[in-house]
N, C-alpha and C. Protein backbone atom coordinates (compact mmCIF):
# COMPACT_ATOMS: atom_id res chain seq x y z
N MET A 1 0.84 -1.18 0.00
CA MET A 1 0.00 0.00 0.00
C MET A 1 0.88 1.23 0.00
N VAL A 2 0.62 2.18 -0.86
CA VAL A 2 1.40 3.39 -0.98
C VAL A 2 0.86 4.43 0.00
N PRO A 3 1.74 4.97 0.85
CA PRO A 3 1.25 5.95 1.84
C PRO A 3 0.73 7.20 1.14
N ASP A 4 -0.26 7.73 1.75
CA ASP A 4 -0.89 8.93 1.21
C ASP A 4 -0.14 10.15 1.74
N ARG A 5 0.77 10.72 0.91
CA ARG A 5 1.57 11.86 1.34
C ARG A 5 0.70 13.09 1.57
N SER A 6 -0.40 13.18 0.91
CA SER A 6 -1.27 14.35 1.09
C SER A 6 -1.83 14.40 2.50
N ILE A 7 -2.06 13.18 3.06
CA ILE A 7 -2.60 13.13 4.44
C ILE A 7 -1.54 13.61 5.41
N ASP A 8 -0.26 13.13 5.19
CA ASP A 8 0.82 13.57 6.08
C ASP A 8 1.04 15.06 5.98
N ALA A 9 1.02 15.59 4.77
CA ALA A 9 1.21 17.03 4.58
C ALA A 9 0.10 17.81 5.25
N LYS A 10 -1.13 17.29 5.11
CA LYS A 10 -2.26 17.98 5.74
C LYS A 10 -2.14 17.97 7.25
N ARG A 11 -1.65 16.78 7.77
CA ARG A 11 -1.49 16.65 9.22
C ARG A 11 -0.43 17.64 9.72
N GLU A 12 0.72 17.76 9.01
CA GLU A 12 1.76 18.70 9.40
C GLU A 12 1.26 20.13 9.33
N SER A 13 0.45 20.41 8.31
CA SER A 13 -0.10 21.77 8.18
C SER A 13 -1.00 22.09 9.34
N ASN A 14 -1.84 21.11 9.75
CA ASN A 14 -2.72 21.33 10.89
C ASN A 14 -1.93 21.52 12.18
N ASP A 15 -0.86 20.70 12.34
CA ASP A 15 -0.02 20.84 13.54
C ASP A 15 0.67 22.21 13.58
N SER A 16 1.12 22.68 12.41
CA SER A 16 1.80 23.98 12.36
C SER A 16 0.85 25.10 12.71
N ARG A 17 -0.40 25.01 12.21
CA ARG A 17 -1.37 26.05 12.55
C ARG A 17 -1.72 26.00 14.02
N ALA A 18 -1.71 24.78 14.60
CA ALA A 18 -2.06 24.65 16.03
C ALA A 18 -0.97 25.23 16.92
N THR A 19 0.28 25.00 16.56
CA THR A 19 1.39 25.46 17.41
C THR A 19 1.92 26.83 16.99
N GLY A 20 1.63 27.28 15.83
CA GLY A 20 2.14 28.56 15.35
C GLY A 20 3.57 28.48 14.87
N VAL A 21 4.14 27.25 14.72
CA VAL A 21 5.52 27.06 14.28
C VAL A 21 5.50 26.39 12.91
N PRO A 22 6.21 26.96 11.95
CA PRO A 22 6.24 26.33 10.62
C PRO A 22 6.80 24.93 10.68
N ALA A 23 6.37 24.10 9.76
CA ALA A 23 6.79 22.70 9.74
C ALA A 23 8.30 22.56 9.53
N TRP A 24 8.92 23.42 8.70
CA TRP A 24 10.35 23.30 8.44
C TRP A 24 11.20 23.63 9.67
N VAL A 25 10.60 24.51 10.50
CA VAL A 25 11.29 24.82 11.75
C VAL A 25 11.25 23.64 12.69
N ARG A 26 10.12 22.96 12.73
CA ARG A 26 9.99 21.78 13.59
C ARG A 26 10.95 20.69 13.17
N ARG A 27 11.21 20.57 11.85
CA ARG A 27 12.15 19.55 11.38
C ARG A 27 13.58 19.85 11.83
N LEU A 28 13.90 21.17 12.01
CA LEU A 28 15.26 21.57 12.41
C LEU A 28 15.50 21.49 13.91
N GLU A 29 14.43 21.26 14.68
CA GLU A 29 14.59 21.27 16.14
C GLU A 29 15.62 20.26 16.64
N PRO A 30 15.60 19.00 16.15
CA PRO A 30 16.64 18.05 16.64
C PRO A 30 18.06 18.51 16.33
N ILE A 31 18.24 19.13 15.14
CA ILE A 31 19.58 19.60 14.77
C ILE A 31 20.01 20.74 15.68
N VAL A 32 19.09 21.66 15.96
CA VAL A 32 19.41 22.81 16.83
C VAL A 32 19.78 22.34 18.22
N TRP A 33 18.98 21.41 18.77
CA TRP A 33 19.28 20.91 20.11
C TRP A 33 20.62 20.19 20.14
N GLY A 34 20.90 19.40 19.12
CA GLY A 34 22.19 18.71 19.08
C GLY A 34 23.35 19.67 19.00
N ALA A 35 23.22 20.72 18.18
CA ALA A 35 24.29 21.70 18.05
C ALA A 35 24.50 22.47 19.34
N SER A 36 23.41 22.75 20.06
CA SER A 36 23.54 23.51 21.32
C SER A 36 24.30 22.73 22.37
N VAL A 37 24.31 21.41 22.24
CA VAL A 37 25.06 20.58 23.19
C VAL A 37 26.49 20.34 22.71
N ILE A 38 26.64 20.07 21.43
CA ILE A 38 27.95 19.69 20.89
C ILE A 38 28.90 20.88 20.78
N LEU A 39 28.39 22.04 20.32
CA LEU A 39 29.28 23.19 20.09
C LEU A 39 29.98 23.66 21.35
N PRO A 40 29.28 23.84 22.51
CA PRO A 40 30.02 24.26 23.71
C PRO A 40 31.08 23.25 24.13
N VAL A 41 30.75 21.95 24.00
CA VAL A 41 31.73 20.93 24.37
C VAL A 41 32.95 21.00 23.46
N ALA A 42 32.69 21.16 22.16
CA ALA A 42 33.81 21.25 21.21
C ALA A 42 34.65 22.49 21.46
N LEU A 43 33.99 23.62 21.78
CA LEU A 43 34.71 24.86 22.05
C LEU A 43 35.59 24.73 23.27
N LEU A 44 35.05 24.14 24.35
CA LEU A 44 35.84 23.94 25.57
C LEU A 44 37.02 23.00 25.32
N THR A 45 36.80 21.99 24.48
CA THR A 45 37.89 21.06 24.17
C THR A 45 39.02 21.77 23.43
N VAL A 46 38.65 22.60 22.44
CA VAL A 46 39.66 23.33 21.67
C VAL A 46 40.43 24.28 22.56
N LEU A 47 39.72 25.00 23.44
CA LEU A 47 40.39 25.93 24.35
C LEU A 47 41.33 25.19 25.29
N GLY A 48 40.89 24.02 25.78
CA GLY A 48 41.74 23.25 26.67
C GLY A 48 43.01 22.77 25.98
N VAL A 49 42.88 22.31 24.73
CA VAL A 49 44.04 21.85 23.98
C VAL A 49 45.02 22.99 23.74
N CYS A 50 44.47 24.15 23.34
CA CYS A 50 45.35 25.31 23.07
C CYS A 50 46.07 25.76 24.33
N ALA A 51 45.31 25.83 25.44
CA ALA A 51 45.93 26.26 26.70
C ALA A 51 46.99 25.27 27.14
N GLY A 52 46.69 23.96 26.99
CA GLY A 52 47.68 22.95 27.38
C GLY A 52 48.92 23.00 26.52
N ARG A 53 48.75 23.22 25.23
CA ARG A 53 49.90 23.29 24.33
C ARG A 53 50.78 24.48 24.68
N GLN A 54 50.13 25.63 24.98
CA GLN A 54 50.91 26.82 25.35
C GLN A 54 51.64 26.59 26.66
N TYR A 55 50.98 25.91 27.62
CA TYR A 55 51.62 25.65 28.91
C TYR A 55 52.86 24.79 28.74
N TRP A 56 52.73 23.69 27.96
CA TRP A 56 53.87 22.79 27.82
C TRP A 56 54.98 23.41 26.99
N GLN A 57 54.61 24.29 26.05
CA GLN A 57 55.66 24.97 25.30
C GLN A 57 56.47 25.89 26.20
N GLN A 58 55.79 26.50 27.17
CA GLN A 58 56.49 27.38 28.11
C GLN A 58 57.20 26.59 29.19
N TRP A 59 56.63 25.43 29.57
CA TRP A 59 57.18 24.67 30.69
C TRP A 59 58.61 24.23 30.45
N HIS A 60 58.91 23.74 29.24
CA HIS A 60 60.26 23.23 29.02
C HIS A 60 61.30 24.33 28.98
N ARG A 61 60.83 25.60 28.86
CA ARG A 61 61.78 26.71 28.90
C ARG A 61 61.91 27.30 30.30
N ARG A 62 61.07 26.87 31.24
CA ARG A 62 61.08 27.47 32.56
C ARG A 62 62.37 27.27 33.32
N PRO A 63 62.96 26.05 33.34
CA PRO A 63 64.24 25.94 34.07
C PRO A 63 65.30 26.89 33.56
N GLU A 64 65.36 27.07 32.23
CA GLU A 64 66.37 27.97 31.66
C GLU A 64 66.11 29.40 32.07
N SER A 65 64.85 29.84 31.94
CA SER A 65 64.54 31.22 32.27
C SER A 65 64.68 31.46 33.75
N PHE A 66 64.39 30.41 34.57
CA PHE A 66 64.54 30.58 36.01
C PHE A 66 66.00 30.72 36.37
N ALA A 67 66.85 29.91 35.73
CA ALA A 67 68.28 29.98 36.02
C ALA A 67 68.87 31.31 35.57
N GLN A 68 68.33 31.85 34.50
CA GLN A 68 68.83 33.13 34.03
C GLN A 68 68.39 34.25 34.95
N GLY A 69 67.35 33.97 35.75
CA GLY A 69 67.03 34.94 36.78
C GLY A 69 65.61 35.39 36.74
N LEU A 70 64.97 35.23 37.90
CA LEU A 70 63.68 35.85 38.06
C LEU A 70 63.89 37.35 38.13
N GLY A 71 62.87 38.07 37.81
CA GLY A 71 63.02 39.52 37.83
C GLY A 71 63.44 40.06 36.50
N ASN A 72 63.63 39.19 35.51
CA ASN A 72 63.99 39.65 34.19
C ASN A 72 62.76 39.94 33.34
N GLU A 73 61.59 39.67 33.93
CA GLU A 73 60.34 39.90 33.22
C GLU A 73 59.82 41.30 33.53
N PRO A 74 59.10 41.91 32.58
CA PRO A 74 58.51 43.20 32.85
C PRO A 74 57.45 43.09 33.92
N THR A 75 57.25 44.14 34.69
CA THR A 75 56.18 44.15 35.66
C THR A 75 54.88 44.46 34.96
N ARG A 76 53.77 44.50 35.74
CA ARG A 76 52.47 44.74 35.15
C ARG A 76 52.37 46.12 34.51
N LEU A 77 53.17 47.05 35.00
CA LEU A 77 53.13 48.40 34.44
C LEU A 77 54.07 48.54 33.25
N GLY A 78 54.74 47.46 32.89
CA GLY A 78 55.61 47.49 31.72
C GLY A 78 57.01 47.96 32.01
N HIS A 79 57.37 48.07 33.31
CA HIS A 79 58.72 48.52 33.67
C HIS A 79 59.49 47.35 34.26
N ARG A 80 60.76 47.28 33.94
CA ARG A 80 61.59 46.24 34.52
C ARG A 80 61.96 46.62 35.95
N PRO A 81 62.08 45.62 36.84
CA PRO A 81 62.39 45.92 38.23
C PRO A 81 63.76 46.56 38.37
N GLU A 82 63.87 47.51 39.26
CA GLU A 82 65.14 48.19 39.51
C GLU A 82 65.93 47.43 40.56
N THR A 83 67.16 47.86 40.80
CA THR A 83 67.98 47.24 41.82
C THR A 83 67.31 47.37 43.18
N PRO A 84 67.12 46.26 43.92
CA PRO A 84 66.49 46.35 45.24
C PRO A 84 67.22 47.34 46.13
N ALA A 85 66.45 48.04 46.94
CA ALA A 85 67.02 49.10 47.75
C ALA A 85 68.03 48.57 48.76
N ASP A 86 67.84 47.32 49.23
CA ASP A 86 68.75 46.79 50.24
C ASP A 86 69.90 45.98 49.65
N MET A 87 70.11 46.07 48.34
CA MET A 87 71.27 45.44 47.71
C MET A 87 72.09 46.52 47.02
N ARG A 88 73.32 46.63 47.38
CA ARG A 88 74.14 47.72 46.83
C ARG A 88 75.60 47.29 46.74
N TYR A 89 76.23 47.82 45.74
CA TYR A 89 77.65 47.54 45.50
C TYR A 89 78.49 48.38 46.45
N GLU A 90 79.57 47.80 46.96
CA GLU A 90 80.45 48.53 47.87
C GLU A 90 81.79 48.83 47.19
N ALA A 91 82.62 47.83 47.02
CA ALA A 91 83.92 48.05 46.34
C ALA A 91 84.61 46.72 46.12
N ASP A 92 85.42 46.67 45.04
CA ASP A 92 86.25 45.50 44.75
C ASP A 92 85.44 44.20 44.69
N GLY A 93 84.26 44.26 44.09
CA GLY A 93 83.43 43.08 43.95
C GLY A 93 82.57 42.76 45.16
N CYS A 94 82.82 43.44 46.27
CA CYS A 94 82.04 43.19 47.49
C CYS A 94 80.74 43.97 47.46
N ALA A 95 79.68 43.37 48.04
CA ALA A 95 78.37 44.02 47.98
C ALA A 95 77.55 43.65 49.21
N HIS A 96 76.63 44.54 49.52
CA HIS A 96 75.61 44.28 50.53
C HIS A 96 74.45 43.58 49.80
N LEU A 97 74.10 42.36 50.23
CA LEU A 97 73.15 41.53 49.50
C LEU A 97 71.78 41.43 50.16
N GLY A 98 71.50 42.31 51.09
CA GLY A 98 70.14 42.39 51.61
C GLY A 98 70.01 42.07 53.08
N ASP A 99 68.88 42.50 53.63
CA ASP A 99 68.50 42.19 55.01
C ASP A 99 67.38 41.17 54.97
N TYR A 100 67.43 40.18 55.86
CA TYR A 100 66.51 39.05 55.79
C TYR A 100 65.92 38.73 57.16
N SER A 101 64.69 38.20 57.10
CA SER A 101 64.04 37.63 58.27
C SER A 101 63.29 36.40 57.78
N VAL A 102 63.87 35.22 58.05
CA VAL A 102 63.37 33.98 57.47
C VAL A 102 62.77 33.11 58.58
N LYS A 103 61.53 32.65 58.37
CA LYS A 103 60.84 31.82 59.35
C LYS A 103 60.85 30.36 58.92
N LEU A 104 61.00 29.47 59.92
CA LEU A 104 60.97 28.02 59.70
C LEU A 104 60.02 27.42 60.72
N TYR A 105 59.05 26.66 60.25
CA TYR A 105 58.04 26.09 61.14
C TYR A 105 58.27 24.60 61.32
N ASP A 106 58.24 24.14 62.58
CA ASP A 106 58.36 22.72 62.89
C ASP A 106 57.01 22.24 63.41
N PRO A 107 56.21 21.56 62.55
CA PRO A 107 54.86 21.15 62.98
C PRO A 107 54.87 20.09 64.07
N ALA A 108 55.99 19.38 64.23
CA ALA A 108 56.04 18.30 65.22
C ALA A 108 55.87 18.84 66.64
N ASN A 109 56.50 19.96 66.93
CA ASN A 109 56.39 20.53 68.28
C ASN A 109 55.77 21.92 68.30
N GLY A 110 55.28 22.38 67.16
CA GLY A 110 54.61 23.68 67.10
C GLY A 110 55.54 24.85 67.32
N THR A 111 56.81 24.69 66.96
CA THR A 111 57.80 25.75 67.16
C THR A 111 58.13 26.43 65.84
N THR A 112 58.23 27.74 65.89
CA THR A 112 58.64 28.52 64.73
C THR A 112 59.96 29.20 65.05
N LEU A 113 60.96 28.97 64.22
CA LEU A 113 62.24 29.66 64.34
C LEU A 113 62.28 30.81 63.36
N ARG A 114 62.94 31.88 63.75
CA ARG A 114 63.10 33.03 62.86
C ARG A 114 64.55 33.47 62.89
N ALA A 115 65.17 33.46 61.72
CA ALA A 115 66.56 33.88 61.58
C ALA A 115 66.60 35.28 60.97
N ASP A 116 67.12 36.24 61.71
CA ASP A 116 67.28 37.60 61.21
C ASP A 116 68.77 37.84 60.96
N PHE A 117 69.09 38.37 59.79
CA PHE A 117 70.50 38.59 59.48
C PHE A 117 70.64 39.53 58.29
N THR A 118 71.85 40.00 58.14
CA THR A 118 72.25 40.78 56.97
C THR A 118 73.26 39.95 56.19
N LEU A 119 73.15 39.97 54.87
CA LEU A 119 74.03 39.17 54.04
C LEU A 119 74.94 40.07 53.23
N SER A 120 76.22 39.79 53.27
CA SER A 120 77.18 40.47 52.41
C SER A 120 77.95 39.40 51.64
N GLY A 121 78.58 39.80 50.55
CA GLY A 121 79.30 38.80 49.78
C GLY A 121 80.25 39.40 48.77
N GLU A 122 81.11 38.54 48.26
CA GLU A 122 82.04 38.92 47.20
C GLU A 122 81.52 38.33 45.89
N THR A 123 81.35 39.15 44.88
CA THR A 123 80.80 38.72 43.60
C THR A 123 81.86 38.84 42.50
N ASP A 124 81.47 38.40 41.30
CA ASP A 124 82.41 38.54 40.18
C ASP A 124 82.19 39.82 39.40
N CYS A 125 81.38 40.75 39.96
CA CYS A 125 81.13 42.03 39.30
C CYS A 125 82.32 42.96 39.53
N ALA A 126 82.80 43.53 38.45
CA ALA A 126 84.00 44.38 38.54
C ALA A 126 83.67 45.80 38.95
N ASP A 127 82.43 46.24 38.76
CA ASP A 127 82.08 47.62 39.10
C ASP A 127 80.60 47.71 39.45
N ARG A 128 80.19 48.90 39.86
CA ARG A 128 78.82 49.11 40.30
C ARG A 128 77.81 48.92 39.17
N ALA A 129 78.15 49.34 37.97
CA ALA A 129 77.21 49.24 36.86
C ALA A 129 76.87 47.78 36.55
N SER A 130 77.89 46.93 36.52
CA SER A 130 77.64 45.51 36.22
C SER A 130 76.86 44.85 37.36
N PHE A 131 77.14 45.26 38.60
CA PHE A 131 76.39 44.72 39.74
C PHE A 131 74.93 45.14 39.67
N ASP A 132 74.69 46.43 39.44
CA ASP A 132 73.30 46.91 39.36
C ASP A 132 72.54 46.23 38.23
N GLY A 133 73.21 45.99 37.12
CA GLY A 133 72.55 45.31 36.01
C GLY A 133 72.21 43.87 36.36
N TRP A 134 73.13 43.20 37.05
CA TRP A 134 72.88 41.81 37.43
C TRP A 134 71.74 41.72 38.43
N ILE A 135 71.77 42.59 39.44
CA ILE A 135 70.74 42.55 40.47
C ILE A 135 69.37 42.90 39.90
N ALA A 136 69.33 43.82 38.93
CA ALA A 136 68.04 44.16 38.31
C ALA A 136 67.42 42.94 37.64
N ARG A 137 68.25 42.04 37.14
CA ARG A 137 67.75 40.84 36.48
C ARG A 137 67.55 39.67 37.44
N HIS A 138 68.43 39.56 38.43
CA HIS A 138 68.45 38.35 39.26
C HIS A 138 68.22 38.61 40.75
N GLY A 139 67.88 39.83 41.11
CA GLY A 139 67.76 40.15 42.53
C GLY A 139 66.75 39.30 43.26
N ARG A 140 65.57 39.14 42.68
CA ARG A 140 64.54 38.32 43.33
C ARG A 140 64.96 36.86 43.41
N PHE A 141 65.64 36.38 42.38
CA PHE A 141 66.14 35.01 42.39
C PHE A 141 67.14 34.81 43.53
N LEU A 142 68.05 35.77 43.72
CA LEU A 142 69.04 35.67 44.79
C LEU A 142 68.36 35.64 46.15
N ARG A 143 67.40 36.53 46.38
CA ARG A 143 66.69 36.56 47.66
C ARG A 143 65.99 35.23 47.91
N GLU A 144 65.38 34.68 46.89
CA GLU A 144 64.68 33.40 47.05
C GLU A 144 65.64 32.29 47.42
N GLN A 145 66.81 32.26 46.79
CA GLN A 145 67.79 31.21 47.09
C GLN A 145 68.32 31.33 48.51
N VAL A 146 68.48 32.55 48.99
CA VAL A 146 68.92 32.74 50.38
C VAL A 146 67.88 32.15 51.33
N MET A 147 66.61 32.47 51.12
CA MET A 147 65.56 32.00 52.02
C MET A 147 65.38 30.49 51.93
N VAL A 148 65.47 29.92 50.72
CA VAL A 148 65.34 28.48 50.57
C VAL A 148 66.49 27.75 51.27
N THR A 149 67.69 28.29 51.15
CA THR A 149 68.85 27.67 51.79
C THR A 149 68.69 27.65 53.30
N VAL A 150 68.23 28.75 53.87
CA VAL A 150 68.04 28.82 55.32
C VAL A 150 66.94 27.86 55.75
N ARG A 151 65.83 27.84 55.04
CA ARG A 151 64.71 26.98 55.42
C ARG A 151 65.04 25.49 55.30
N ASN A 152 65.97 25.15 54.43
CA ASN A 152 66.34 23.74 54.25
C ASN A 152 67.52 23.33 55.12
N SER A 153 67.89 24.17 56.07
CA SER A 153 69.01 23.87 56.94
C SER A 153 68.52 23.29 58.26
N ASN A 154 69.38 22.52 58.91
CA ASN A 154 68.99 21.92 60.18
C ASN A 154 69.33 22.84 61.34
N LEU A 155 68.88 22.45 62.53
CA LEU A 155 69.05 23.30 63.70
C LEU A 155 70.52 23.51 64.04
N LYS A 156 71.34 22.49 63.83
CA LYS A 156 72.77 22.64 64.12
C LYS A 156 73.39 23.72 63.26
N GLU A 157 73.03 23.75 61.99
CA GLU A 157 73.56 24.77 61.08
C GLU A 157 73.04 26.15 61.42
N LEU A 158 71.80 26.21 61.90
CA LEU A 158 71.17 27.50 62.18
C LEU A 158 71.61 28.09 63.52
N SER A 159 71.90 27.24 64.49
CA SER A 159 72.10 27.72 65.85
C SER A 159 73.56 27.82 66.27
N GLY A 160 74.49 27.46 65.40
CA GLY A 160 75.89 27.52 65.79
C GLY A 160 76.38 28.95 65.93
N SER A 161 77.58 29.06 66.50
CA SER A 161 78.15 30.40 66.70
C SER A 161 78.59 31.01 65.37
N LYS A 162 78.79 30.14 64.38
CA LYS A 162 79.12 30.63 63.04
C LYS A 162 78.21 29.92 62.04
N GLN A 163 77.99 30.57 60.92
CA GLN A 163 77.10 30.01 59.89
C GLN A 163 77.92 29.61 58.65
N GLU A 164 79.07 29.03 58.87
CA GLU A 164 79.94 28.69 57.75
C GLU A 164 79.30 27.66 56.82
N ALA A 165 78.59 26.69 57.39
CA ALA A 165 77.94 25.68 56.55
C ALA A 165 76.86 26.33 55.68
N LEU A 166 76.10 27.25 56.28
CA LEU A 166 75.08 27.97 55.51
C LEU A 166 75.72 28.78 54.39
N GLU A 167 76.83 29.41 54.69
CA GLU A 167 77.51 30.23 53.69
C GLU A 167 77.96 29.39 52.50
N ARG A 168 78.54 28.23 52.79
CA ARG A 168 79.00 27.35 51.70
C ARG A 168 77.82 26.83 50.89
N LYS A 169 76.76 26.44 51.57
CA LYS A 169 75.58 25.92 50.87
C LYS A 169 74.96 26.98 49.97
N LEU A 170 74.91 28.22 50.45
CA LEU A 170 74.30 29.28 49.66
C LEU A 170 75.12 29.58 48.41
N VAL A 171 76.44 29.68 48.56
CA VAL A 171 77.30 29.94 47.40
C VAL A 171 77.14 28.83 46.36
N ALA A 172 77.16 27.58 46.82
CA ALA A 172 77.04 26.45 45.89
C ALA A 172 75.67 26.44 45.21
N ARG A 173 74.63 26.72 45.96
CA ARG A 173 73.27 26.68 45.39
C ARG A 173 73.08 27.75 44.32
N VAL A 174 73.48 28.97 44.62
CA VAL A 174 73.30 30.07 43.67
C VAL A 174 74.12 29.84 42.41
N ASN A 175 75.38 29.50 42.58
CA ASN A 175 76.25 29.30 41.41
C ASN A 175 75.80 28.12 40.56
N ARG A 176 75.33 27.05 41.21
CA ARG A 176 74.84 25.90 40.47
C ARG A 176 73.58 26.25 39.67
N SER A 177 72.69 27.01 40.27
CA SER A 177 71.46 27.40 39.59
C SER A 177 71.74 28.33 38.42
N LEU A 178 72.71 29.22 38.58
CA LEU A 178 73.03 30.17 37.52
C LEU A 178 73.90 29.56 36.43
N GLY A 179 74.63 28.51 36.78
CA GLY A 179 75.53 27.90 35.82
C GLY A 179 76.85 28.64 35.67
N LYS A 180 77.14 29.54 36.62
CA LYS A 180 78.42 30.26 36.59
C LYS A 180 78.73 30.76 38.00
N PRO A 181 80.00 30.97 38.33
CA PRO A 181 80.38 31.36 39.69
C PRO A 181 80.19 32.85 39.96
N PHE A 182 78.95 33.27 40.11
CA PHE A 182 78.70 34.68 40.39
C PHE A 182 79.16 35.03 41.81
N LEU A 183 78.83 34.17 42.78
CA LEU A 183 79.22 34.42 44.17
C LEU A 183 80.54 33.73 44.46
N LYS A 184 81.49 34.50 44.97
CA LYS A 184 82.75 33.91 45.40
C LYS A 184 82.69 33.50 46.87
N SER A 185 81.99 34.31 47.65
CA SER A 185 81.81 34.00 49.07
C SER A 185 80.68 34.87 49.62
N VAL A 186 80.09 34.46 50.73
CA VAL A 186 79.08 35.26 51.42
C VAL A 186 79.35 35.21 52.91
N ARG A 187 78.75 36.15 53.61
CA ARG A 187 78.91 36.19 55.06
C ARG A 187 77.60 36.63 55.70
N PHE A 188 77.16 35.86 56.70
CA PHE A 188 75.98 36.23 57.48
C PHE A 188 76.43 37.15 58.61
N LYS A 189 75.87 38.35 58.64
CA LYS A 189 76.25 39.34 59.65
C LYS A 189 75.04 39.67 60.53
N SER A 190 75.32 40.05 61.76
CA SER A 190 74.27 40.41 62.73
C SER A 190 73.22 39.31 62.79
N TYR A 191 73.67 38.09 62.84
CA TYR A 191 72.78 36.93 62.80
C TYR A 191 72.16 36.70 64.19
N VAL A 192 70.83 36.63 64.23
CA VAL A 192 70.11 36.37 65.47
C VAL A 192 69.05 35.31 65.20
N LEU A 193 68.96 34.31 66.08
CA LEU A 193 67.97 33.25 65.93
C LEU A 193 66.95 33.34 67.06
N TYR A 194 65.69 33.47 66.67
CA TYR A 194 64.58 33.55 67.62
C TYR A 194 63.72 32.31 67.52
N GLU A 195 62.88 32.12 68.55
CA GLU A 195 61.91 31.03 68.48
C GLU A 195 60.58 31.50 69.06
N SER A 196 59.52 30.86 68.55
CA SER A 196 58.16 31.10 69.05
C SER A 196 57.51 29.74 69.21
N VAL A 197 57.02 29.46 70.42
CA VAL A 197 56.40 28.17 70.71
C VAL A 197 54.89 28.34 70.69
N ARG A 198 54.26 27.65 69.76
CA ARG A 198 52.79 27.65 69.64
C ARG A 198 52.23 29.07 69.61
N ASN A 199 52.75 29.84 68.66
CA ASN A 199 52.27 31.21 68.38
C ASN A 199 52.51 32.20 69.52
N SER A 200 53.46 31.91 70.39
CA SER A 200 53.81 32.88 71.42
C SER A 200 54.70 33.95 70.81
N ASP A 201 55.06 34.96 71.62
CA ASP A 201 55.96 35.99 71.13
C ASP A 201 57.35 35.40 70.87
N TYR A 202 58.06 36.03 69.93
CA TYR A 202 59.42 35.55 69.62
C TYR A 202 60.39 35.96 70.72
N VAL A 203 61.24 35.01 71.11
CA VAL A 203 62.31 35.26 72.07
C VAL A 203 63.57 34.63 71.50
N LEU A 204 64.73 34.98 72.08
CA LEU A 204 65.98 34.36 71.64
C LEU A 204 65.87 32.85 71.78
N TRP A 205 66.41 32.14 70.80
CA TRP A 205 66.36 30.69 70.85
C TRP A 205 66.89 30.18 72.17
N GLU A 206 66.21 29.20 72.76
CA GLU A 206 66.53 28.75 74.11
C GLU A 206 67.92 28.15 74.24
N GLY A 207 68.51 27.71 73.13
CA GLY A 207 69.84 27.15 73.19
C GLY A 207 70.93 28.18 73.06
N ALA A 208 70.55 29.45 72.84
CA ALA A 208 71.55 30.50 72.66
C ALA A 208 71.84 31.19 73.98
N ASP A 209 73.07 31.65 74.13
CA ASP A 209 73.46 32.33 75.38
C ASP A 209 73.82 33.79 75.15
N GLY A 210 73.44 34.34 74.02
CA GLY A 210 73.76 35.73 73.75
C GLY A 210 75.02 35.85 72.92
N ARG A 211 76.08 35.15 73.32
CA ARG A 211 77.31 35.19 72.54
C ARG A 211 77.15 34.39 71.26
N GLU A 212 76.44 33.25 71.33
CA GLU A 212 76.27 32.41 70.17
C GLU A 212 75.11 32.87 69.30
N ALA A 213 74.20 33.66 69.86
CA ALA A 213 73.01 34.05 69.11
C ALA A 213 73.31 35.19 68.16
N ILE A 214 74.27 36.05 68.50
CA ILE A 214 74.52 37.25 67.70
C ILE A 214 75.96 37.24 67.22
N ARG A 215 76.10 37.41 65.93
CA ARG A 215 77.45 37.48 65.36
C ARG A 215 77.56 38.75 64.53
N GLN A 216 78.49 39.59 64.84
CA GLN A 216 78.68 40.84 64.08
C GLN A 216 79.56 40.57 62.88
């Protein structure tokens, strides 16, 4: 039996008049609904792939750029960072390398140690201009390496009358990260070690007797 197409057409015409929607629009409804679901998913997938590709392209260059020095990137205002105020060239390669206050937390006993000190050192910079240029590029990197070295040190290294082990570790860490011997030597000056037990006020570390806590 051959279907009566006129009946189907008449039925669609009646349905269209009842709903106020043309028949051709009704035929497109499944396509529209499918596109409304598929297109956002496809768009999110493309964005994710592009973002991931850009991340991995940058990731393999990060160790190199980090070693060359943080602080070499423009700031948000488009200006490169200047020489930190607490880092300054003195003479004959010697420089003041900043004032520090580094905290170390021991969750086992709820104790926080704080090491306050001034750092000076001998660099391979022959004059003030070369030092200022280096610090403008690597100043933040140097400060970070100082704090990481202190935080990764044990109590014996932190509480001794001298910080020779810390000094050697810092020189080795910075030069290894940079890939060249920028630091020849460093010295921790005015070194004081404090402690705070369970968020109490800071006091001189209990193992210090005044002579061992402060080194000029």
